[in-house]
Structures are given as structure tokens and as C-alpha cells.
Amino acid sequence: MDSPDLSRLREGDRAEWNAAFHWLYPTALAVARNKLGGMHPGEVEDVALSAIEVVVEKVDAVKEVGELKKLCAAITHNKAVDVIRKLAVAPKPTTDEAGDEAPYDPPDPASPLAGLDAEELSGLLEECMAGLREPCRQLLEAAFLRGLKQREISEELGMPMGSVGVNLSRCLKKMGEIAKNAGIQEEMRMFLE
């Protein structure tokens, strides 16, 4: 898609802003997914959309249309970090009627439901991994289950360092096809994007 006309955006041209939205949205969504991948897709999309709203307000400060994507990516990143920070803060204890702090009992992070979800996802992940050939399985296990860096993967699996990222991408794509054929693509989406 061609970049939008900055002068028409500044004039508030509706058709140009529609085109600009379609031009900026993939960038905003990609940055939001990168930072908030484990969150509900609707929440990720909300962050992307709110970032685009801020970009609209700042269009007059931009000198070239290419800066809009950079600005959009930066704003999306900052908004995503804000969301992460808000999630990490435990709620403050409430006070009782006398104004004294009421005892605070934080929720148990290891609820039985969370364990069931993790077990189910683990089973789905194993099902998809079983459908891959051994080289892909080894590569994905090294990268995601053992957390090795590309250099370590290169040394361990005896592959050129420059091909590790490309092969990871291909293996994830194959795993996505397996998930799609098994009818579990939606459940596995957070692992495949």
C-alpha cells in the first residue's frame, strides 16, 4: 500500500485518513502483539487503536509521512508498556469504614483453573510438535522450551548462525499449518505469532 498524502491528512481528508489507518494499523498491531502477545487479542487491538488515535492528534508535528509509522510504533510501544506496568501493580488495600487499612489478601496466582489451561495448552503444543520433522522439533525446543540464543542454537545444532532465524520462522509456519489442519489454530495462535 502506498503511503498517505501528508498534506491531505493535515486537511482532515476522510478518505486519506481511512487509507492512513490501513497503512498504520499493521504496524501498531505488530508492535502491540510483540509486547502483549499473551493478552487477549481484543486488548492488544485496543492498544493499537488507541496509539493510532494519538498519531492522528500529532499529524501536524510530523515533517514527512514516513515519520508517521515510526511515531505510531513508538506510541504503541509506550502504551503497551503502560499496560504491562498496570498489570504488574498489585491492587492497594482498601480501608474500612473507620479509615483503617483493611487486611489485604492477594489472590492466589496458582489457581486450579490456571493449571488446567496450562495443561491443555501444553497438550496442544505437544500435539503440534509431534507433527513436525525432527530438525524443526529440535530447533523449536532449543529456542522456546530451553530458551537458547541464536548463537547457542547454531553451535548446538550445527547450522549457520544466519539461518537460525529463517528456519525458526519456517518451522513456526509449519507448526501453524499443523494446528490449522487439526482445528486448533485459534488455541495455538499465541505460540505461532
N, C-alpha and C. Protein backbone atom coordinates (compact mmCIF):
# COMPACT_ATOMS: atom_id res chain seq x y z
N MET A 1 0.84 -1.18 0.00
CA MET A 1 0.00 0.00 0.00
C MET A 1 0.88 1.24 0.00
N ASP A 2 0.49 2.23 -0.77
CA ASP A 2 1.22 3.48 -0.83
C ASP A 2 0.99 4.27 0.44
N SER A 3 1.99 5.10 0.77
CA SER A 3 1.85 5.93 1.96
C SER A 3 0.85 7.05 1.68
N PRO A 4 0.15 7.49 2.71
CA PRO A 4 -0.86 8.54 2.52
C PRO A 4 -0.21 9.90 2.25
N ASP A 5 -1.00 10.81 1.74
CA ASP A 5 -0.56 12.18 1.44
C ASP A 5 -0.67 13.01 2.73
N LEU A 6 0.48 13.46 3.22
CA LEU A 6 0.53 14.18 4.49
C LEU A 6 -0.28 15.47 4.47
N SER A 7 -0.23 16.20 3.37
CA SER A 7 -0.97 17.47 3.31
C SER A 7 -2.48 17.21 3.38
N ARG A 8 -2.95 16.15 2.73
CA ARG A 8 -4.37 15.82 2.79
C ARG A 8 -4.77 15.33 4.18
N LEU A 9 -3.85 14.66 4.87
CA LEU A 9 -4.13 14.23 6.25
C LEU A 9 -4.30 15.46 7.14
N ARG A 10 -3.41 16.44 6.96
CA ARG A 10 -3.50 17.66 7.77
C ARG A 10 -4.79 18.43 7.51
N GLU A 11 -5.32 18.31 6.30
CA GLU A 11 -6.58 18.97 5.96
C GLU A 11 -7.78 18.21 6.52
N GLY A 12 -7.54 16.98 6.98
CA GLY A 12 -8.62 16.18 7.55
C GLY A 12 -9.41 15.39 6.53
N ASP A 13 -8.81 15.14 5.37
CA ASP A 13 -9.47 14.38 4.30
C ASP A 13 -9.84 12.98 4.82
N ARG A 14 -11.13 12.69 4.86
CA ARG A 14 -11.63 11.42 5.43
C ARG A 14 -11.10 10.20 4.67
N ALA A 15 -11.14 10.25 3.34
CA ALA A 15 -10.67 9.11 2.54
C ALA A 15 -9.18 8.88 2.77
N GLU A 16 -8.43 9.96 2.90
CA GLU A 16 -6.98 9.83 3.13
C GLU A 16 -6.71 9.26 4.51
N TRP A 17 -7.53 9.65 5.51
CA TRP A 17 -7.36 9.09 6.85
C TRP A 17 -7.74 7.61 6.89
N ASN A 18 -8.73 7.22 6.11
CA ASN A 18 -9.06 5.79 6.02
C ASN A 18 -7.88 5.02 5.45
N ALA A 19 -7.27 5.58 4.41
CA ALA A 19 -6.08 4.94 3.82
C ALA A 19 -4.94 4.92 4.83
N ALA A 20 -4.77 6.02 5.56
CA ALA A 20 -3.70 6.10 6.56
C ALA A 20 -3.92 5.07 7.66
N PHE A 21 -5.18 4.88 8.05
CA PHE A 21 -5.47 3.87 9.08
C PHE A 21 -5.01 2.49 8.61
N HIS A 22 -5.37 2.13 7.38
CA HIS A 22 -4.98 0.82 6.84
C HIS A 22 -3.47 0.72 6.66
N TRP A 23 -2.81 1.82 6.51
CA TRP A 23 -1.36 1.86 6.36
C TRP A 23 -0.67 1.73 7.72
N LEU A 24 -1.24 2.35 8.75
CA LEU A 24 -0.63 2.36 10.09
C LEU A 24 -1.03 1.15 10.94
N TYR A 25 -2.23 0.63 10.73
CA TYR A 25 -2.76 -0.43 11.59
C TYR A 25 -1.85 -1.66 11.70
N PRO A 26 -1.31 -2.19 10.59
CA PRO A 26 -0.44 -3.36 10.74
C PRO A 26 0.78 -3.10 11.62
N THR A 27 1.34 -1.90 11.53
CA THR A 27 2.49 -1.56 12.36
C THR A 27 2.09 -1.51 13.83
N ALA A 28 1.00 -0.81 14.11
CA ALA A 28 0.54 -0.68 15.50
C ALA A 28 0.20 -2.05 16.09
N LEU A 29 -0.49 -2.87 15.32
CA LEU A 29 -0.88 -4.19 15.81
C LEU A 29 0.34 -5.09 16.03
N ALA A 30 1.30 -5.03 15.12
CA ALA A 30 2.51 -5.85 15.27
C ALA A 30 3.29 -5.47 16.53
N VAL A 31 3.44 -4.19 16.78
CA VAL A 31 4.16 -3.74 17.98
C VAL A 31 3.38 -4.15 19.23
N ALA A 32 2.07 -3.96 19.22
CA ALA A 32 1.25 -4.33 20.38
C ALA A 32 1.32 -5.83 20.63
N ARG A 33 1.24 -6.63 19.58
CA ARG A 33 1.32 -8.09 19.74
C ARG A 33 2.69 -8.50 20.26
N ASN A 34 3.72 -7.83 19.78
CA ASN A 34 5.07 -8.15 20.22
C ASN A 34 5.22 -7.93 21.72
N LYS A 35 4.66 -6.85 22.23
CA LYS A 35 4.78 -6.55 23.65
C LYS A 35 3.74 -7.27 24.50
N LEU A 36 2.56 -7.49 23.96
CA LEU A 36 1.44 -8.01 24.76
C LEU A 36 0.92 -9.34 24.22
N GLY A 37 1.77 -10.13 23.59
CA GLY A 37 1.35 -11.34 22.91
C GLY A 37 0.48 -12.29 23.70
N GLY A 38 0.67 -12.38 25.01
CA GLY A 38 -0.10 -13.31 25.81
C GLY A 38 -1.46 -12.79 26.24
N MET A 39 -1.74 -11.55 25.95
CA MET A 39 -3.02 -10.96 26.36
C MET A 39 -4.11 -11.30 25.35
N HIS A 40 -5.34 -11.04 25.74
CA HIS A 40 -6.48 -11.27 24.86
C HIS A 40 -6.32 -10.41 23.60
N PRO A 41 -6.58 -10.98 22.42
CA PRO A 41 -6.41 -10.22 21.17
C PRO A 41 -7.17 -8.90 21.15
N GLY A 42 -8.33 -8.85 21.78
CA GLY A 42 -9.09 -7.61 21.82
C GLY A 42 -8.37 -6.51 22.59
N GLU A 43 -7.70 -6.89 23.68
CA GLU A 43 -6.94 -5.91 24.46
C GLU A 43 -5.73 -5.42 23.68
N VAL A 44 -5.09 -6.34 22.96
CA VAL A 44 -3.94 -5.97 22.13
C VAL A 44 -4.40 -4.98 21.05
N GLU A 45 -5.52 -5.28 20.43
CA GLU A 45 -6.04 -4.40 19.39
C GLU A 45 -6.43 -3.03 19.96
N ASP A 46 -6.96 -3.00 21.17
CA ASP A 46 -7.31 -1.72 21.80
C ASP A 46 -6.08 -0.83 21.96
N VAL A 47 -4.96 -1.43 22.35
CA VAL A 47 -3.72 -0.67 22.49
C VAL A 47 -3.31 -0.11 21.13
N ALA A 48 -3.38 -0.94 20.09
CA ALA A 48 -3.01 -0.49 18.74
C ALA A 48 -3.90 0.66 18.28
N LEU A 49 -5.20 0.53 18.49
CA LEU A 49 -6.14 1.57 18.05
C LEU A 49 -5.95 2.87 18.83
N SER A 50 -5.71 2.76 20.13
CA SER A 50 -5.52 3.99 20.91
C SER A 50 -4.23 4.69 20.50
N ALA A 51 -3.22 3.93 20.08
CA ALA A 51 -1.98 4.54 19.60
C ALA A 51 -2.23 5.30 18.30
N ILE A 52 -3.03 4.73 17.42
CA ILE A 52 -3.34 5.40 16.16
C ILE A 52 -4.10 6.70 16.43
N GLU A 53 -4.97 6.69 17.43
CA GLU A 53 -5.70 7.92 17.79
C GLU A 53 -4.72 9.03 18.19
N VAL A 54 -3.68 8.67 18.93
CA VAL A 54 -2.69 9.66 19.33
C VAL A 54 -1.92 10.17 18.12
N VAL A 55 -1.61 9.27 17.19
CA VAL A 55 -0.91 9.67 15.96
C VAL A 55 -1.75 10.69 15.20
N VAL A 56 -3.05 10.50 15.15
CA VAL A 56 -3.94 11.44 14.46
C VAL A 56 -3.78 12.84 15.06
N GLU A 57 -3.71 12.90 16.39
CA GLU A 57 -3.58 14.19 17.06
C GLU A 57 -2.23 14.85 16.79
N LYS A 58 -1.21 14.06 16.48
CA LYS A 58 0.14 14.60 16.31
C LYS A 58 0.56 14.77 14.85
N VAL A 59 -0.36 14.62 13.92
CA VAL A 59 0.00 14.67 12.50
C VAL A 59 0.61 16.01 12.10
N ASP A 60 0.21 17.09 12.75
CA ASP A 60 0.76 18.40 12.40
C ASP A 60 2.23 18.55 12.79
N ALA A 61 2.69 17.76 13.75
CA ALA A 61 4.08 17.85 14.20
C ALA A 61 5.03 17.04 13.33
N VAL A 62 4.51 16.26 12.41
CA VAL A 62 5.33 15.38 11.58
C VAL A 62 5.74 16.11 10.31
N LYS A 63 7.02 15.98 9.93
CA LYS A 63 7.53 16.66 8.74
C LYS A 63 7.35 15.83 7.48
N GLU A 64 7.53 14.50 7.61
CA GLU A 64 7.40 13.60 6.46
C GLU A 64 6.44 12.48 6.82
N VAL A 65 5.74 11.98 5.82
CA VAL A 65 4.75 10.94 6.06
C VAL A 65 5.38 9.67 6.62
N GLY A 66 6.63 9.39 6.25
CA GLY A 66 7.32 8.20 6.75
C GLY A 66 7.50 8.21 8.25
N GLU A 67 7.52 9.40 8.84
CA GLU A 67 7.68 9.51 10.29
C GLU A 67 6.43 9.02 11.03
N LEU A 68 5.30 8.97 10.33
CA LEU A 68 4.06 8.53 10.99
C LEU A 68 4.18 7.10 11.50
N LYS A 69 4.78 6.22 10.69
CA LYS A 69 4.91 4.82 11.13
C LYS A 69 5.83 4.71 12.33
N LYS A 70 6.94 5.46 12.30
CA LYS A 70 7.87 5.44 13.44
C LYS A 70 7.17 5.96 14.69
N LEU A 71 6.44 7.06 14.52
CA LEU A 71 5.71 7.63 15.64
C LEU A 71 4.66 6.65 16.15
N CYS A 72 3.97 6.02 15.24
CA CYS A 72 2.94 5.04 15.61
C CYS A 72 3.55 3.87 16.38
N ALA A 73 4.69 3.37 15.91
CA ALA A 73 5.37 2.26 16.58
C ALA A 73 5.81 2.68 17.99
N ALA A 74 6.38 3.87 18.11
CA ALA A 74 6.85 4.34 19.42
C ALA A 74 5.69 4.52 20.39
N ILE A 75 4.62 5.13 19.92
CA ILE A 75 3.45 5.35 20.79
C ILE A 75 2.83 4.02 21.20
N THR A 76 2.72 3.10 20.25
CA THR A 76 2.15 1.78 20.56
C THR A 76 3.00 1.08 21.60
N HIS A 77 4.32 1.13 21.42
CA HIS A 77 5.24 0.50 22.37
C HIS A 77 5.02 1.09 23.77
N ASN A 78 4.98 2.41 23.85
CA ASN A 78 4.81 3.06 25.15
C ASN A 78 3.47 2.71 25.79
N LYS A 79 2.42 2.67 25.00
CA LYS A 79 1.10 2.31 25.54
C LYS A 79 1.10 0.86 26.03
N ALA A 80 1.77 -0.03 25.29
CA ALA A 80 1.85 -1.43 25.70
C ALA A 80 2.62 -1.57 27.01
N VAL A 81 3.71 -0.83 27.13
CA VAL A 81 4.49 -0.86 28.37
C VAL A 81 3.64 -0.34 29.53
N ASP A 82 2.85 0.70 29.29
CA ASP A 82 1.94 1.20 30.33
C ASP A 82 0.97 0.11 30.79
N VAL A 83 0.43 -0.64 29.83
CA VAL A 83 -0.49 -1.73 30.17
C VAL A 83 0.22 -2.78 31.01
N ILE A 84 1.44 -3.12 30.63
CA ILE A 84 2.21 -4.12 31.38
C ILE A 84 2.47 -3.63 32.80
N ARG A 85 2.83 -2.37 32.93
CA ARG A 85 3.09 -1.81 34.26
C ARG A 85 1.85 -1.84 35.13
N LYS A 86 0.71 -1.52 34.55
CA LYS A 86 -0.54 -1.53 35.32
C LYS A 86 -0.90 -2.93 35.78
N LEU A 87 -0.59 -3.93 34.95
CA LEU A 87 -0.88 -5.31 35.33
C LEU A 87 0.03 -5.78 36.45
N ALA A 88 1.26 -5.27 36.48
CA ALA A 88 2.23 -5.72 37.47
C ALA A 88 1.98 -5.13 38.85
N VAL A 89 1.24 -4.05 38.94
CA VAL A 89 0.99 -3.40 40.22
C VAL A 89 -0.16 -4.11 40.93
N ALA A 90 0.13 -4.56 42.15
CA ALA A 90 -0.92 -5.20 42.94
C ALA A 90 -1.91 -4.14 43.42
N PRO A 91 -3.18 -4.48 43.49
CA PRO A 91 -4.15 -3.50 43.96
C PRO A 91 -3.86 -3.10 45.41
N LYS A 92 -4.09 -1.84 45.69
CA LYS A 92 -3.82 -1.34 47.04
C LYS A 92 -4.91 -1.82 47.99
N PRO A 93 -4.52 -2.03 49.25
CA PRO A 93 -5.53 -2.45 50.22
C PRO A 93 -6.60 -1.38 50.39
N THR A 94 -7.80 -1.82 50.61
CA THR A 94 -8.90 -0.89 50.84
C THR A 94 -8.94 -0.52 52.31
N THR A 95 -9.69 0.49 52.61
CA THR A 95 -9.83 0.88 54.01
C THR A 95 -11.24 0.52 54.48
N ASP A 96 -11.34 0.30 55.78
CA ASP A 96 -12.67 0.01 56.32
C ASP A 96 -13.39 1.32 56.63
N GLU A 97 -14.56 1.24 57.24
CA GLU A 97 -15.37 2.43 57.50
C GLU A 97 -14.68 3.42 58.43
N ALA A 98 -13.83 2.94 59.30
CA ALA A 98 -13.14 3.82 60.25
C ALA A 98 -11.93 4.49 59.60
N GLY A 99 -11.61 4.12 58.37
CA GLY A 99 -10.45 4.71 57.70
C GLY A 99 -9.18 3.91 57.90
N ASP A 100 -9.27 2.83 58.67
CA ASP A 100 -8.09 1.98 58.88
C ASP A 100 -7.96 1.03 57.70
N GLU A 101 -6.71 0.64 57.44
CA GLU A 101 -6.50 -0.29 56.33
C GLU A 101 -7.10 -1.65 56.65
N ALA A 102 -7.85 -2.15 55.72
CA ALA A 102 -8.41 -3.49 55.86
C ALA A 102 -7.32 -4.49 55.48
N PRO A 103 -7.35 -5.67 56.08
CA PRO A 103 -6.33 -6.66 55.71
C PRO A 103 -6.43 -7.01 54.23
N TYR A 104 -5.28 -7.14 53.63
CA TYR A 104 -5.23 -7.41 52.19
C TYR A 104 -4.72 -8.82 51.96
N ASP A 105 -5.52 -9.61 51.30
CA ASP A 105 -5.15 -10.98 50.97
C ASP A 105 -5.09 -11.09 49.45
N PRO A 106 -3.87 -11.04 48.87
CA PRO A 106 -3.78 -11.07 47.40
C PRO A 106 -4.30 -12.39 46.85
N PRO A 107 -4.84 -12.36 45.64
CA PRO A 107 -5.35 -13.60 45.04
C PRO A 107 -4.22 -14.59 44.79
N ASP A 108 -4.55 -15.86 44.89
CA ASP A 108 -3.57 -16.92 44.66
C ASP A 108 -3.30 -17.04 43.17
N PRO A 109 -2.04 -16.78 42.74
CA PRO A 109 -1.75 -16.85 41.31
C PRO A 109 -1.79 -18.27 40.75
N ALA A 110 -1.71 -19.26 41.63
CA ALA A 110 -1.70 -20.65 41.17
C ALA A 110 -3.08 -21.27 41.37
N SER A 111 -4.07 -20.72 40.71
CA SER A 111 -5.41 -21.27 40.84
C SER A 111 -5.52 -22.57 40.05
N PRO A 112 -6.40 -23.47 40.44
CA PRO A 112 -6.54 -24.74 39.71
C PRO A 112 -6.94 -24.53 38.25
N LEU A 113 -7.72 -23.49 37.97
CA LEU A 113 -8.12 -23.24 36.58
C LEU A 113 -6.93 -22.88 35.72
N ALA A 114 -6.01 -22.09 36.27
CA ALA A 114 -4.82 -21.72 35.50
C ALA A 114 -4.02 -22.97 35.17
N GLY A 115 -3.95 -23.92 36.11
CA GLY A 115 -3.24 -25.17 35.86
C GLY A 115 -3.89 -25.99 34.77
N LEU A 116 -5.21 -26.02 34.75
CA LEU A 116 -5.91 -26.77 33.71
C LEU A 116 -5.65 -26.15 32.34
N ASP A 117 -5.70 -24.82 32.26
CA ASP A 117 -5.44 -24.16 30.99
C ASP A 117 -4.03 -24.45 30.51
N ALA A 118 -3.07 -24.39 31.43
CA ALA A 118 -1.68 -24.64 31.07
C ALA A 118 -1.51 -26.08 30.60
N GLU A 119 -2.17 -27.02 31.29
CA GLU A 119 -2.07 -28.43 30.87
C GLU A 119 -2.67 -28.63 29.49
N GLU A 120 -3.81 -28.02 29.25
CA GLU A 120 -4.47 -28.16 27.96
C GLU A 120 -3.60 -27.57 26.85
N LEU A 121 -3.06 -26.37 27.09
CA LEU A 121 -2.19 -25.74 26.09
C LEU A 121 -0.93 -26.56 25.87
N SER A 122 -0.40 -27.11 26.94
CA SER A 122 0.79 -27.95 26.82
C SER A 122 0.50 -29.17 25.95
N GLY A 123 -0.66 -29.77 26.14
CA GLY A 123 -1.05 -30.92 25.32
C GLY A 123 -1.20 -30.55 23.86
N LEU A 124 -1.81 -29.39 23.60
CA LEU A 124 -1.97 -28.93 22.21
C LEU A 124 -0.61 -28.65 21.58
N LEU A 125 0.27 -28.05 22.36
CA LEU A 125 1.61 -27.75 21.86
C LEU A 125 2.36 -29.04 21.53
N GLU A 126 2.26 -30.03 22.40
CA GLU A 126 2.91 -31.32 22.14
C GLU A 126 2.32 -31.98 20.90
N GLU A 127 1.01 -31.87 20.73
CA GLU A 127 0.35 -32.44 19.55
C GLU A 127 0.90 -31.82 18.27
N CYS A 128 1.06 -30.52 18.27
CA CYS A 128 1.61 -29.84 17.08
C CYS A 128 3.07 -30.20 16.86
N MET A 129 3.84 -30.24 17.94
CA MET A 129 5.27 -30.55 17.83
C MET A 129 5.47 -31.97 17.29
N ALA A 130 4.58 -32.88 17.66
CA ALA A 130 4.71 -34.27 17.21
C ALA A 130 4.55 -34.38 15.70
N GLY A 131 3.85 -33.45 15.09
CA GLY A 131 3.65 -33.48 13.65
C GLY A 131 4.81 -32.91 12.84
N LEU A 132 5.81 -32.36 13.52
CA LEU A 132 6.96 -31.78 12.83
C LEU A 132 8.06 -32.81 12.64
N ARG A 133 8.89 -32.58 11.62
CA ARG A 133 10.05 -33.44 11.45
C ARG A 133 11.08 -33.09 12.52
N GLU A 134 11.99 -34.00 12.77
CA GLU A 134 12.95 -33.86 13.87
C GLU A 134 13.76 -32.56 13.84
N PRO A 135 14.29 -32.12 12.69
CA PRO A 135 15.08 -30.87 12.72
C PRO A 135 14.26 -29.67 13.21
N CYS A 136 13.01 -29.57 12.77
CA CYS A 136 12.15 -28.47 13.23
C CYS A 136 11.85 -28.60 14.71
N ARG A 137 11.56 -29.80 15.13
CA ARG A 137 11.24 -30.04 16.54
C ARG A 137 12.42 -29.65 17.42
N GLN A 138 13.63 -30.05 17.02
CA GLN A 138 14.83 -29.71 17.79
C GLN A 138 15.04 -28.20 17.85
N LEU A 139 14.84 -27.54 16.72
CA LEU A 139 15.04 -26.10 16.64
C LEU A 139 14.05 -25.35 17.54
N LEU A 140 12.78 -25.72 17.46
CA LEU A 140 11.77 -25.05 18.29
C LEU A 140 11.97 -25.34 19.77
N GLU A 141 12.33 -26.56 20.11
CA GLU A 141 12.59 -26.90 21.51
C GLU A 141 13.76 -26.09 22.05
N ALA A 142 14.83 -25.98 21.24
CA ALA A 142 16.01 -25.22 21.67
C ALA A 142 15.66 -23.75 21.89
N ALA A 143 14.89 -23.19 20.97
CA ALA A 143 14.59 -21.76 21.03
C ALA A 143 13.56 -21.42 22.10
N PHE A 144 12.47 -22.18 22.17
CA PHE A 144 11.36 -21.78 23.01
C PHE A 144 11.26 -22.54 24.33
N LEU A 145 11.58 -23.81 24.32
CA LEU A 145 11.46 -24.56 25.57
C LEU A 145 12.70 -24.41 26.44
N ARG A 146 13.87 -24.38 25.79
CA ARG A 146 15.12 -24.25 26.54
C ARG A 146 15.64 -22.82 26.56
N GLY A 147 15.08 -21.95 25.72
CA GLY A 147 15.44 -20.54 25.73
C GLY A 147 16.84 -20.21 25.26
N LEU A 148 17.39 -21.04 24.37
CA LEU A 148 18.73 -20.78 23.87
C LEU A 148 18.73 -19.60 22.91
N LYS A 149 19.85 -18.88 22.88
CA LYS A 149 20.00 -17.77 21.94
C LYS A 149 20.42 -18.34 20.59
N GLN A 150 20.32 -17.51 19.55
CA GLN A 150 20.60 -17.99 18.19
C GLN A 150 22.02 -18.54 18.07
N ARG A 151 22.98 -17.90 18.71
CA ARG A 151 24.37 -18.39 18.64
C ARG A 151 24.48 -19.78 19.27
N GLU A 152 23.82 -19.98 20.40
CA GLU A 152 23.85 -21.28 21.07
C GLU A 152 23.16 -22.34 20.22
N ILE A 153 22.04 -21.97 19.61
CA ILE A 153 21.33 -22.91 18.74
C ILE A 153 22.21 -23.29 17.56
N SER A 154 22.87 -22.30 16.98
CA SER A 154 23.75 -22.53 15.84
C SER A 154 24.84 -23.54 16.19
N GLU A 155 25.46 -23.34 17.34
CA GLU A 155 26.54 -24.24 17.77
C GLU A 155 26.00 -25.63 18.09
N GLU A 156 24.89 -25.69 18.82
CA GLU A 156 24.36 -26.99 19.25
C GLU A 156 23.84 -27.82 18.08
N LEU A 157 23.13 -27.18 17.16
CA LEU A 157 22.52 -27.92 16.05
C LEU A 157 23.39 -27.94 14.80
N GLY A 158 24.53 -27.25 14.84
CA GLY A 158 25.46 -27.26 13.71
C GLY A 158 24.90 -26.59 12.47
N MET A 159 24.21 -25.49 12.65
CA MET A 159 23.66 -24.77 11.49
C MET A 159 24.26 -23.37 11.45
N PRO A 160 24.36 -22.79 10.25
CA PRO A 160 24.91 -21.44 10.17
C PRO A 160 24.07 -20.46 10.99
N MET A 161 24.75 -19.56 11.66
CA MET A 161 24.08 -18.60 12.54
C MET A 161 23.02 -17.79 11.78
N GLY A 162 23.30 -17.39 10.57
CA GLY A 162 22.37 -16.58 9.80
C GLY A 162 21.10 -17.30 9.39
N SER A 163 21.11 -18.62 9.47
CA SER A 163 19.93 -19.37 9.04
C SER A 163 19.01 -19.76 10.20
N VAL A 164 19.43 -19.49 11.42
CA VAL A 164 18.63 -19.89 12.58
C VAL A 164 17.27 -19.18 12.58
N GLY A 165 17.27 -17.86 12.43
CA GLY A 165 16.02 -17.10 12.44
C GLY A 165 15.08 -17.49 11.31
N VAL A 166 15.65 -17.68 10.12
CA VAL A 166 14.84 -18.06 8.96
C VAL A 166 14.21 -19.43 9.18
N ASN A 167 15.01 -20.37 9.68
CA ASN A 167 14.49 -21.71 9.93
C ASN A 167 13.46 -21.72 11.05
N LEU A 168 13.66 -20.89 12.07
CA LEU A 168 12.66 -20.78 13.13
C LEU A 168 11.33 -20.32 12.55
N SER A 169 11.40 -19.31 11.70
CA SER A 169 10.18 -18.79 11.08
C SER A 169 9.49 -19.87 10.25
N ARG A 170 10.25 -20.61 9.48
CA ARG A 170 9.67 -21.68 8.65
C ARG A 170 9.04 -22.77 9.51
N CYS A 171 9.73 -23.12 10.59
CA CYS A 171 9.21 -24.18 11.46
C CYS A 171 7.92 -23.73 12.16
N LEU A 172 7.88 -22.47 12.56
CA LEU A 172 6.65 -21.95 13.16
C LEU A 172 5.51 -21.96 12.16
N LYS A 173 5.83 -21.65 10.91
CA LYS A 173 4.81 -21.67 9.86
C LYS A 173 4.28 -23.10 9.66
N LYS A 174 5.20 -24.07 9.65
CA LYS A 174 4.77 -25.48 9.51
C LYS A 174 3.90 -25.89 10.70
N MET A 175 4.30 -25.44 11.88
CA MET A 175 3.53 -25.76 13.07
C MET A 175 2.14 -25.13 12.99
N GLY A 176 2.06 -23.93 12.44
CA GLY A 176 0.78 -23.26 12.24
C GLY A 176 -0.12 -24.04 11.30
N GLU A 177 0.47 -24.61 10.24
CA GLU A 177 -0.30 -25.42 9.30
C GLU A 177 -0.84 -26.68 9.98
N ILE A 178 0.00 -27.28 10.83
CA ILE A 178 -0.44 -28.47 11.57
C ILE A 178 -1.60 -28.10 12.50
N ALA A 179 -1.46 -26.97 13.19
CA ALA A 179 -2.53 -26.53 14.10
C ALA A 179 -3.81 -26.24 13.33
N LYS A 180 -3.68 -25.63 12.16
CA LYS A 180 -4.86 -25.32 11.34
C LYS A 180 -5.55 -26.60 10.89
N ASN A 181 -4.77 -27.57 10.42
CA ASN A 181 -5.34 -28.85 9.96
C ASN A 181 -5.98 -29.63 11.10
N ALA A 182 -5.46 -29.45 12.32
CA ALA A 182 -6.01 -30.15 13.48
C ALA A 182 -7.20 -29.39 14.08
N GLY A 183 -7.48 -28.19 13.56
CA GLY A 183 -8.60 -27.41 14.07
C GLY A 183 -8.32 -26.70 15.38
N ILE A 184 -7.04 -26.51 15.70
CA ILE A 184 -6.68 -25.86 16.97
C ILE A 184 -5.86 -24.59 16.73
N GLN A 185 -6.01 -24.00 15.57
CA GLN A 185 -5.22 -22.81 15.23
C GLN A 185 -5.49 -21.66 16.19
N GLU A 186 -6.74 -21.46 16.56
CA GLU A 186 -7.09 -20.35 17.45
C GLU A 186 -6.44 -20.53 18.83
N GLU A 187 -6.46 -21.76 19.34
CA GLU A 187 -5.87 -22.02 20.65
C GLU A 187 -4.36 -21.84 20.63
N MET A 188 -3.74 -22.12 19.50
CA MET A 188 -2.28 -22.07 19.40
C MET A 188 -1.76 -20.73 18.88
N ARG A 189 -2.65 -19.80 18.60
CA ARG A 189 -2.24 -18.55 17.96
C ARG A 189 -1.15 -17.82 18.72
N MET A 190 -1.23 -17.78 20.05
CA MET A 190 -0.24 -17.01 20.80
C MET A 190 1.16 -17.61 20.68
N PHE A 191 1.27 -18.89 20.35
CA PHE A 191 2.57 -19.51 20.17
C PHE A 191 3.10 -19.31 18.75
N LEU A 192 2.21 -19.05 17.83
CA LEU A 192 2.59 -19.04 16.42
C LEU A 192 2.79 -17.64 15.86
N GLU A 193 2.39 -16.60 16.56
CA GLU A 193 2.52 -15.24 16.02
C GLU A 193 3.73 -14.55 16.57
